[in-house]
Amino acid sequence: MSDQKEGLVGASEFTFACKGVKEYDDIDEVGGFYLSDIEYVHKNYYKNKQVLKYVTALLQNKRTKTMIDSDMGALNNWLESDKYPLAKYPSIYSPTLMQQVAINIAVSEKERTEKIFSVNGPPGTGKTTLLKEIIASNVEKLAEVLIEYGVDGGKFHICRIDSASGPSYTEKYYEIPEDIAKYGILVVSNNNTAVENITLDLPKADSMIKDNTWTELFDRTEHKEIYFSSVADNLLGEENVAWGLISARMGKKSYISDTLKVCVFAKKNDKSDKVTLDMVKDDSVSWDEAVTNFNHVKRKVLFIRKDIEKDKQILCSMYKSQENLIKQQSALDKLNMEKIITEQKLVKEQELLTSNEKDTLSCEEEIKYIIQHSSFIKKVLIFLGLGTIGKKSSIRKIK
């Protein structure tokens, strides 16, 4: 098969060749690390329109891009109160403006048109903060789905696995519905250490004490059990260091094995001190009480959201009035400037008028002199400036 036929064909007239690497070809560490992934994409890209659209995005001849930092309409839209998640990760700090915009877009399941959403964040710009807020939103949305499903688990599909120990014995598991599975988060990177740091830091209790979160709900010093805290302790390898089972590292087979060992319910023949999911039962509330508490808090959040919307309308009205005031002040300043210019013109006209009045008076005086001291002929000579009398009169006028 030629390179032309092996290539990715999609969003444009271009074809990008993907040359296969043979077993005896020399490959470096990076090439070896990504080789299987590249091969998988190469063989299966056509099955997933989202992947095809993503890898060929830059080849689009006509692309519609919203510059969210300069498009005030789009920015205001994503900062509407109903775009904010109903839950926030416990912290005394709030996201920055552009972090919050990214969070609101990421958690939106209706208005975000693309299924793949990317955020470009250099080191130290708050990608982990964004991830925490998305986790909080997913936990809240997952709670709503679980409440809708009910405690009996009737919507969970049972899958059976034939056991090798005997033809009559079967094992079963419950398939997680898509409505629940979609709220799971997989953190991946080409830097294993970076991913491990995130998954190990999220459950740690020291960042969730009351002084850091404005609430004691996640403070391990106040509560023995918060959210499978003992199981999380066991995964971290130390007691009372985790507030909850919010994440687990899965980069190695041993990590996966450790997670599976503790994320199970105890059996009758297990030791009493075995760390399992059952340990949360003694300090947990009933299902009905949990649902009541959740709905109560959700109503409070929705009321607060309405109050925020009212405050926003008041602020918008105030800013609009301020803008009108600035416009009116600008118009007034313009009128004042026009008034000053008009007054200056009026002064010049007044000066000209005064000068003209003086010339007029001078002419009147001459006319009076002619009338009083001259006969008709003299008047004509004086008027025309002819003869001795006329010249003398002209000299007088000059003087």
Protein backbone atom coordinates (compact mmCIF):
# COMPACT_ATOMS: atom_id res chain seq x y z
CA MET A 1 0.00 0.00 0.00
CA SER A 2 1.42 3.39 -0.92
CA ASP A 3 2.03 6.25 1.51
CA GLN A 4 -0.71 8.21 -0.28
CA LYS A 5 -3.29 5.55 0.57
CA GLU A 6 -1.97 5.16 4.11
CA GLY A 7 -2.51 8.82 4.99
CA LEU A 8 -5.20 10.66 6.93
CA VAL A 9 -7.85 11.99 4.57
CA GLY A 10 -10.39 14.35 6.05
CA ALA A 11 -11.05 18.04 6.34
CA SER A 12 -9.10 19.25 3.29
CA GLU A 13 -7.68 18.17 -0.02
CA PHE A 14 -4.38 17.29 1.64
CA THR A 15 -3.34 13.77 2.58
CA PHE A 16 -0.79 13.21 5.33
CA ALA A 17 1.22 10.03 4.95
CA CYS A 18 1.81 7.80 7.99
CA LYS A 19 4.77 5.56 7.27
CA GLY A 20 4.84 2.27 9.17
CA VAL A 21 7.88 1.42 11.33
CA LYS A 22 9.22 -2.09 11.00
CA GLU A 23 10.45 -4.13 13.95
CA TYR A 24 14.11 -3.79 12.98
CA ASP A 25 13.91 -0.02 12.41
CA ASP A 26 15.82 2.09 14.90
CA ILE A 27 13.46 4.12 17.10
CA ASP A 28 14.30 6.47 19.94
CA GLU A 29 12.57 6.61 23.33
CA VAL A 30 10.02 9.20 22.28
CA GLY A 31 9.17 7.34 19.10
CA GLY A 32 8.76 4.08 21.02
CA PHE A 33 6.62 5.73 23.67
CA TYR A 34 4.11 7.09 21.16
CA LEU A 35 4.36 4.44 18.48
CA SER A 36 1.48 2.27 19.65
CA ASP A 37 -0.76 5.32 20.15
CA ILE A 38 0.03 6.68 16.70
CA GLU A 39 -0.61 3.27 15.18
CA TYR A 40 -3.96 3.01 16.97
CA VAL A 41 -5.05 6.46 15.72
CA HIS A 42 -3.85 5.60 12.23
CA LYS A 43 -5.96 2.46 12.11
CA ASN A 44 -9.07 3.78 13.82
CA TYR A 45 -9.29 7.52 13.15
CA TYR A 46 -12.00 7.13 10.52
CA LYS A 47 -14.29 5.49 13.09
CA ASN A 48 -14.40 8.62 15.27
CA LYS A 49 -15.48 11.87 13.65
CA GLN A 50 -14.33 13.85 16.69
CA VAL A 51 -10.76 12.55 16.43
CA LEU A 52 -10.73 13.22 12.69
CA LYS A 53 -12.05 16.74 13.24
CA TYR A 54 -9.48 17.37 15.97
CA VAL A 55 -6.36 16.18 14.13
CA THR A 56 -7.33 18.02 10.92
CA ALA A 57 -8.67 21.19 12.56
CA LEU A 58 -5.86 23.42 11.29
CA LEU A 59 -6.53 22.34 7.72
CA GLN A 60 -9.96 23.93 7.61
CA ASN A 61 -10.04 26.64 4.95
CA LYS A 62 -12.84 28.52 6.65
CA ARG A 63 -12.63 28.52 10.41
CA THR A 64 -14.89 30.35 12.79
CA LYS A 65 -13.00 31.38 15.86
CA THR A 66 -14.32 33.41 18.78
CA MET A 67 -11.68 35.58 20.44
CA ILE A 68 -13.20 35.23 23.88
CA ASP A 69 -10.89 37.78 25.50
CA SER A 70 -11.93 40.56 23.10
CA ASP A 71 -15.46 39.54 22.10
CA MET A 72 -17.45 41.18 24.89
CA GLY A 73 -20.70 39.58 23.76
CA ALA A 74 -19.28 36.06 24.00
CA LEU A 75 -17.49 36.91 27.25
CA ASN A 76 -20.69 38.23 28.87
CA ASN A 77 -22.62 35.20 27.63
CA TRP A 78 -20.27 32.73 29.34
CA LEU A 79 -20.26 34.81 32.52
CA GLU A 80 -24.04 34.71 32.94
CA SER A 81 -25.01 33.37 36.36
CA ASP A 82 -26.68 30.29 34.91
CA LYS A 83 -23.43 29.29 33.18
CA TYR A 84 -21.59 28.85 36.49
CA PRO A 85 -21.41 25.32 37.92
CA LEU A 86 -23.68 24.64 40.90
CA ALA A 87 -20.72 23.35 42.90
CA LYS A 88 -17.33 24.84 43.71
CA TYR A 89 -14.19 23.10 44.87
CA PRO A 90 -13.58 24.01 48.54
CA SER A 91 -11.15 26.92 48.66
CA ILE A 92 -10.91 30.45 50.03
CA TYR A 93 -9.72 31.53 46.59
CA SER A 94 -11.84 32.09 43.51
CA PRO A 95 -10.79 31.44 39.91
CA THR A 96 -9.55 34.37 37.84
CA LEU A 97 -11.76 35.83 35.12
CA MET A 98 -10.43 33.75 32.23
CA GLN A 99 -10.17 30.64 34.43
CA GLN A 100 -13.86 31.02 35.26
CA VAL A 101 -14.75 31.45 31.59
CA ALA A 102 -12.86 28.23 30.77
CA ILE A 103 -14.60 26.42 33.65
CA ASN A 104 -18.05 27.59 32.55
CA ILE A 105 -17.41 26.47 28.97
CA ALA A 106 -15.94 23.14 30.07
CA VAL A 107 -18.89 22.15 32.30
CA SER A 108 -21.53 23.29 29.81
CA GLU A 109 -23.33 20.35 28.23
CA LYS A 110 -25.78 22.37 26.13
CA GLU A 111 -24.23 25.54 24.72
CA ARG A 112 -20.73 24.24 24.02
CA THR A 113 -20.99 23.15 20.40
CA GLU A 114 -17.81 21.06 20.24
CA LYS A 115 -17.28 17.86 22.22
CA ILE A 116 -13.53 18.45 22.39
CA PHE A 117 -12.59 21.54 24.39
CA SER A 118 -8.98 22.55 24.92
CA VAL A 119 -7.41 25.12 27.22
CA ASN A 120 -3.91 26.41 26.55
CA GLY A 121 -2.22 27.02 29.88
CA PRO A 122 1.54 27.44 30.35
CA PRO A 123 3.04 26.29 33.69
CA GLY A 124 1.63 28.11 36.70
CA THR A 125 -1.49 29.50 35.00
CA GLY A 126 -3.97 27.39 36.98
CA LYS A 127 -4.71 24.22 35.02
CA THR A 128 -4.98 22.20 38.24
CA THR A 129 -7.35 24.83 39.66
CA LEU A 130 -9.51 24.49 36.56
CA LEU A 131 -9.45 20.69 36.93
CA LYS A 132 -10.59 20.93 40.57
CA GLU A 133 -13.58 23.08 39.61
CA ILE A 134 -14.58 20.63 36.87
CA ILE A 135 -14.32 17.78 39.39
CA ALA A 136 -16.62 19.65 41.79
CA SER A 137 -19.13 20.26 39.01
CA ASN A 138 -19.02 16.61 37.94
CA VAL A 139 -19.61 15.44 41.51
CA GLU A 140 -22.72 17.63 41.71
CA LYS A 141 -24.05 16.48 38.33
CA LEU A 142 -23.34 12.86 39.22
CA ALA A 143 -25.34 13.27 42.44
CA GLU A 144 -28.33 14.49 40.42
CA VAL A 145 -28.11 11.46 38.12
CA LEU A 146 -27.85 9.06 41.07
CA ILE A 147 -30.89 10.66 42.72
CA GLU A 148 -32.81 10.21 39.48
CA TYR A 149 -31.71 6.56 39.24
CA GLY A 150 -32.70 5.83 42.83
CA VAL A 151 -31.09 3.71 45.51
CA ASP A 152 -32.26 0.35 44.15
CA GLY A 153 -29.92 0.51 41.16
CA GLY A 154 -32.58 -0.72 38.78
CA LYS A 155 -31.06 1.15 35.83
CA PHE A 156 -27.69 -0.55 36.20
CA HIS A 157 -27.30 -3.33 33.64
CA ILE A 158 -26.08 -6.64 35.07
CA CYS A 159 -23.33 -8.34 33.07
CA ARG A 160 -22.35 -11.93 33.82
CA ILE A 161 -18.99 -13.62 33.36
CA ASP A 162 -18.78 -17.37 33.08
CA SER A 163 -16.48 -18.74 35.78
CA ALA A 164 -13.74 -21.22 34.99
CA SER A 165 -14.26 -22.94 38.35
CA GLY A 166 -17.49 -24.61 37.31
CA PRO A 167 -20.14 -24.55 34.58
CA SER A 168 -22.94 -23.65 37.03
CA TYR A 169 -21.10 -20.77 38.76
CA THR A 170 -21.12 -17.27 37.32
CA GLU A 171 -19.73 -13.94 38.40
CA LYS A 172 -21.53 -10.72 37.65
CA TYR A 173 -20.79 -7.03 37.50
CA TYR A 174 -22.89 -3.94 36.92
CA GLU A 175 -22.20 -2.00 33.76
CA ILE A 176 -21.94 1.71 34.52
CA PRO A 177 -24.51 3.66 32.44
CA GLU A 178 -23.21 6.36 30.12
CA ASP A 179 -25.11 9.01 32.15
CA ILE A 180 -22.76 8.21 35.05
CA ALA A 181 -19.60 7.14 33.23
CA LYS A 182 -19.32 10.43 31.34
CA TYR A 183 -18.53 12.27 34.60
CA GLY A 184 -15.38 10.26 35.16
CA ILE A 185 -12.12 12.11 34.49
CA LEU A 186 -8.94 10.60 33.12
CA VAL A 187 -5.85 12.77 33.65
CA VAL A 188 -3.15 11.88 31.13
CA SER A 189 0.16 13.41 30.15
CA ASN A 190 3.47 12.58 28.53
CA ASN A 191 4.91 13.40 31.95
CA ASN A 192 4.00 10.62 34.37
CA THR A 193 5.31 12.56 37.37
CA ALA A 194 3.03 15.52 36.66
CA VAL A 195 -0.04 13.27 36.52
CA GLU A 196 0.97 11.43 39.69
CA ASN A 197 1.45 14.72 41.53
CA ILE A 198 -2.09 15.82 40.65
CA THR A 199 -3.76 12.52 41.58
CA LEU A 200 -1.82 12.34 44.85
CA ASP A 201 -2.41 15.97 45.82
CA LEU A 202 -6.18 16.08 45.24
CA PRO A 203 -7.09 13.73 48.15
CA LYS A 204 -4.69 15.29 50.69
CA ALA A 205 -6.35 16.57 53.84
CA ASP A 206 -3.98 19.43 54.68
CA SER A 207 -5.33 21.57 51.83
CA MET A 208 -8.93 21.03 52.97
CA ILE A 209 -8.79 22.24 56.56
CA LYS A 210 -11.32 24.85 57.64
CA ASP A 211 -8.90 27.77 57.35
CA ASN A 212 -8.31 26.94 53.67
CA THR A 213 -11.92 26.28 52.64
CA TRP A 214 -14.23 28.43 54.85
CA THR A 215 -16.05 25.23 55.87
CA GLU A 216 -15.39 22.33 58.21
CA LEU A 217 -17.21 19.85 55.96
CA PHE A 218 -13.94 18.62 54.42
CA ASP A 219 -11.74 19.07 57.47
CA ARG A 220 -10.37 15.68 58.54
CA THR A 221 -9.60 17.03 62.00
CA GLU A 222 -13.34 17.66 62.44
CA HIS A 223 -14.65 14.46 60.83
CA LYS A 224 -13.34 10.90 61.00
CA GLU A 225 -14.97 9.95 57.71
CA ILE A 226 -15.81 12.35 54.87
CA TYR A 227 -15.73 10.51 51.54
CA PHE A 228 -14.13 7.06 51.82
CA SER A 229 -11.35 8.78 53.73
CA SER A 230 -9.87 5.55 55.19
CA VAL A 231 -9.68 3.99 51.73
CA ALA A 232 -7.88 7.09 50.45
CA ASP A 233 -5.50 6.90 53.44
CA ASN A 234 -4.67 3.33 52.51
CA LEU A 235 -3.93 4.31 48.92
CA LEU A 236 -1.61 7.11 50.09
CA GLY A 237 0.03 4.74 52.57
CA GLU A 238 -0.53 6.82 55.72
CA GLU A 239 -3.36 7.35 58.21
CA ASN A 240 -5.37 10.59 58.42
CA VAL A 241 -3.68 12.21 55.44
CA ALA A 242 -6.58 12.09 52.96
CA TRP A 243 -9.98 13.78 53.10
CA GLY A 244 -11.58 11.60 50.42
CA LEU A 245 -11.29 9.11 47.60
CA ILE A 246 -11.44 11.75 44.87
CA SER A 247 -8.63 10.40 42.67
CA ALA A 248 -6.22 7.52 42.29
CA ARG A 249 -3.03 7.08 40.29
CA MET A 250 -3.25 4.46 37.54
CA GLY A 251 0.00 4.89 35.61
CA LYS A 252 1.44 1.49 36.52
CA LYS A 253 0.04 -2.00 36.86
CA SER A 254 0.94 -2.01 40.56
CA TYR A 255 -1.02 1.23 41.11
CA ILE A 256 -4.08 -0.24 39.40
CA SER A 257 -3.76 -3.40 41.50
CA ASP A 258 -3.53 -1.37 44.74
CA THR A 259 -6.64 0.63 43.81
CA LEU A 260 -8.66 -2.47 42.98
CA LYS A 261 -7.67 -4.12 46.27
CA VAL A 262 -9.16 -1.36 48.42
CA CYS A 263 -12.09 -0.32 46.22
CA VAL A 264 -14.12 -3.43 47.10
CA PHE A 265 -16.66 -4.32 49.74
CA ALA A 266 -15.65 -6.67 52.55
CA LYS A 267 -16.59 -10.34 52.47
CA LYS A 268 -17.56 -12.50 55.42
CA ASN A 269 -14.20 -14.23 55.57
CA ASP A 270 -12.15 -10.99 55.41
CA LYS A 271 -10.19 -9.75 58.38
CA SER A 272 -11.92 -7.13 60.52
CA ASP A 273 -9.15 -4.57 59.96
CA LYS A 274 -9.17 -4.85 56.17
CA VAL A 275 -9.57 -1.48 54.45
CA THR A 276 -12.62 -1.63 52.18
CA LEU A 277 -15.50 0.56 51.04
CA ASP A 278 -17.61 -0.75 53.94
CA MET A 279 -15.68 1.39 56.41
CA VAL A 280 -17.71 4.44 55.44
CA LYS A 281 -21.02 2.92 56.56
CA ASP A 282 -20.65 3.62 60.28
CA ASP A 283 -20.26 7.37 59.83
CA SER A 284 -22.53 7.94 56.83
CA VAL A 285 -26.11 9.22 56.64
CA SER A 286 -29.01 7.34 55.12
CA TRP A 287 -29.83 7.64 51.43
CA ASP A 288 -33.01 9.60 52.10
CA GLU A 289 -31.21 11.99 54.43
CA ALA A 290 -28.44 12.50 51.88
CA VAL A 291 -30.97 13.29 49.14
CA THR A 292 -32.79 15.73 51.44
CA ASN A 293 -29.55 17.47 52.36
CA PHE A 294 -28.48 17.68 48.72
CA ASN A 295 -31.78 19.15 47.54
CA HIS A 296 -31.78 21.65 50.41
CA VAL A 297 -28.30 22.91 49.55
CA LYS A 298 -29.12 22.96 45.83
CA ARG A 299 -32.16 25.18 46.47
CA LYS A 300 -29.98 27.56 48.47
CA VAL A 301 -27.47 27.75 45.63
CA LEU A 302 -30.24 28.42 43.09
CA PHE A 303 -31.65 31.19 45.32
CA ILE A 304 -28.18 32.71 45.60
CA ARG A 305 -27.86 32.50 41.82
CA LYS A 306 -31.14 34.41 41.43
CA ASP A 307 -29.93 37.06 43.87
CA ILE A 308 -26.70 37.36 41.91
CA GLU A 309 -28.70 37.82 38.72
CA LYS A 310 -30.74 40.59 40.36
CA ASP A 311 -27.56 42.26 41.60
CA LYS A 312 -26.11 41.95 38.13
CA GLN A 313 -29.14 43.68 36.62
CA ILE A 314 -28.80 46.49 39.17
CA LEU A 315 -25.09 46.81 38.35
CA CYS A 316 -25.81 46.77 34.61
CA SER A 317 -28.43 49.47 35.11
CA MET A 318 -25.97 51.49 37.18
CA TYR A 319 -23.21 51.10 34.60
CA LYS A 320 -25.63 52.03 31.82
CA SER A 321 -26.68 55.15 33.75
CA GLN A 322 -23.00 55.93 34.30
CA GLU A 323 -22.32 55.53 30.58
CA ASN A 324 -25.27 57.84 29.78
CA LEU A 325 -23.97 60.35 32.32
CA ILE A 326 -20.52 60.24 30.71
CA LYS A 327 -22.10 60.75 27.27
CA GLN A 328 -24.19 63.66 28.55
CA GLN A 329 -21.13 65.17 30.25
CA SER A 330 -19.21 64.82 26.99
CA ALA A 331 -22.05 66.52 25.10
CA LEU A 332 -22.13 69.29 27.72
CA ASP A 333 -18.37 69.76 27.43
CA LYS A 334 -18.75 70.01 23.66
CA LEU A 335 -21.49 72.64 24.02
CA ASN A 336 -19.34 74.61 26.47
CA MET A 337 -16.45 74.52 24.00
CA GLU A 338 -18.76 75.72 21.24
CA LYS A 339 -19.98 78.49 23.56
CA ILE A 340 -16.39 79.64 24.22
CA ILE A 341 -15.62 79.66 20.47
CA THR A 342 -18.84 81.58 19.78
CA GLU A 343 -18.02 84.12 22.49
CA GLN A 344 -14.55 84.61 21.02
CA LYS A 345 -16.07 85.21 17.59
CA LEU A 346 -18.56 87.63 19.17
CA VAL A 347 -15.71 89.63 20.76
CA LYS A 348 -13.96 89.89 17.38
CA GLU A 349 -17.19 90.99 15.72
CA GLN A 350 -17.70 93.57 18.47
CA GLU A 351 -14.20 94.91 17.95
CA LEU A 352 -14.83 95.14 14.20
CA LEU A 353 -18.15 96.87 14.82
CA THR A 354 -16.48 99.42 17.11
CA SER A 355 -13.83 100.12 14.47
CA ASN A 356 -16.53 100.58 11.83
CA GLU A 357 -18.44 102.95 14.09
CA LYS A 358 -15.30 105.11 14.50
CA ASP A 359 -14.82 105.23 10.72
CA THR A 360 -18.47 106.16 10.30
CA LEU A 361 -18.20 108.99 12.84
CA SER A 362 -15.09 110.30 11.10
CA CYS A 363 -16.89 110.32 7.76
CA GLU A 364 -19.86 112.11 9.31
CA GLU A 365 -17.53 114.81 10.71
CA GLU A 366 -16.03 115.39 7.28
CA ILE A 367 -19.44 115.63 5.69
CA LYS A 368 -20.51 118.17 8.31
CA TYR A 369 -17.37 120.22 7.64
CA ILE A 370 -18.04 120.26 3.90
CA ILE A 371 -21.65 121.30 4.41
CA GLN A 372 -20.77 124.08 6.84
CA HIS A 373 -17.75 125.68 5.07
CA SER A 374 -18.20 125.24 1.37
CA SER A 375 -20.31 126.57 -1.45
CA PHE A 376 -21.64 124.15 -4.01
CA ILE A 377 -18.59 124.49 -6.27
CA LYS A 378 -16.20 124.29 -3.30
CA LYS A 379 -18.05 121.27 -2.06
CA VAL A 380 -17.58 119.60 -5.44
CA LEU A 381 -13.87 120.54 -5.55
CA ILE A 382 -13.37 119.39 -1.97
CA PHE A 383 -15.29 116.22 -2.63
CA LEU A 384 -13.24 115.50 -5.76
CA GLY A 385 -10.00 116.79 -4.19
CA LEU A 386 -9.41 119.26 -7.06
CA GLY A 387 -7.91 122.70 -7.00
CA THR A 388 -6.26 124.49 -4.10
CA ILE A 389 -9.30 124.22 -1.85
CA GLY A 390 -9.80 120.57 -2.63
CA LYS A 391 -6.12 119.76 -2.02
CA LYS A 392 -6.11 121.67 1.28
CA SER A 393 -9.21 119.75 2.36
CA SER A 394 -7.48 116.47 1.42
CA ILE A 395 -4.44 117.46 3.48
CA ARG A 396 -6.74 118.18 6.43
CA LYS A 397 -8.34 114.79 6.07
CA ILE A 398 -4.95 113.15 6.04
CA LYS A 399 -3.99 115.01 9.19
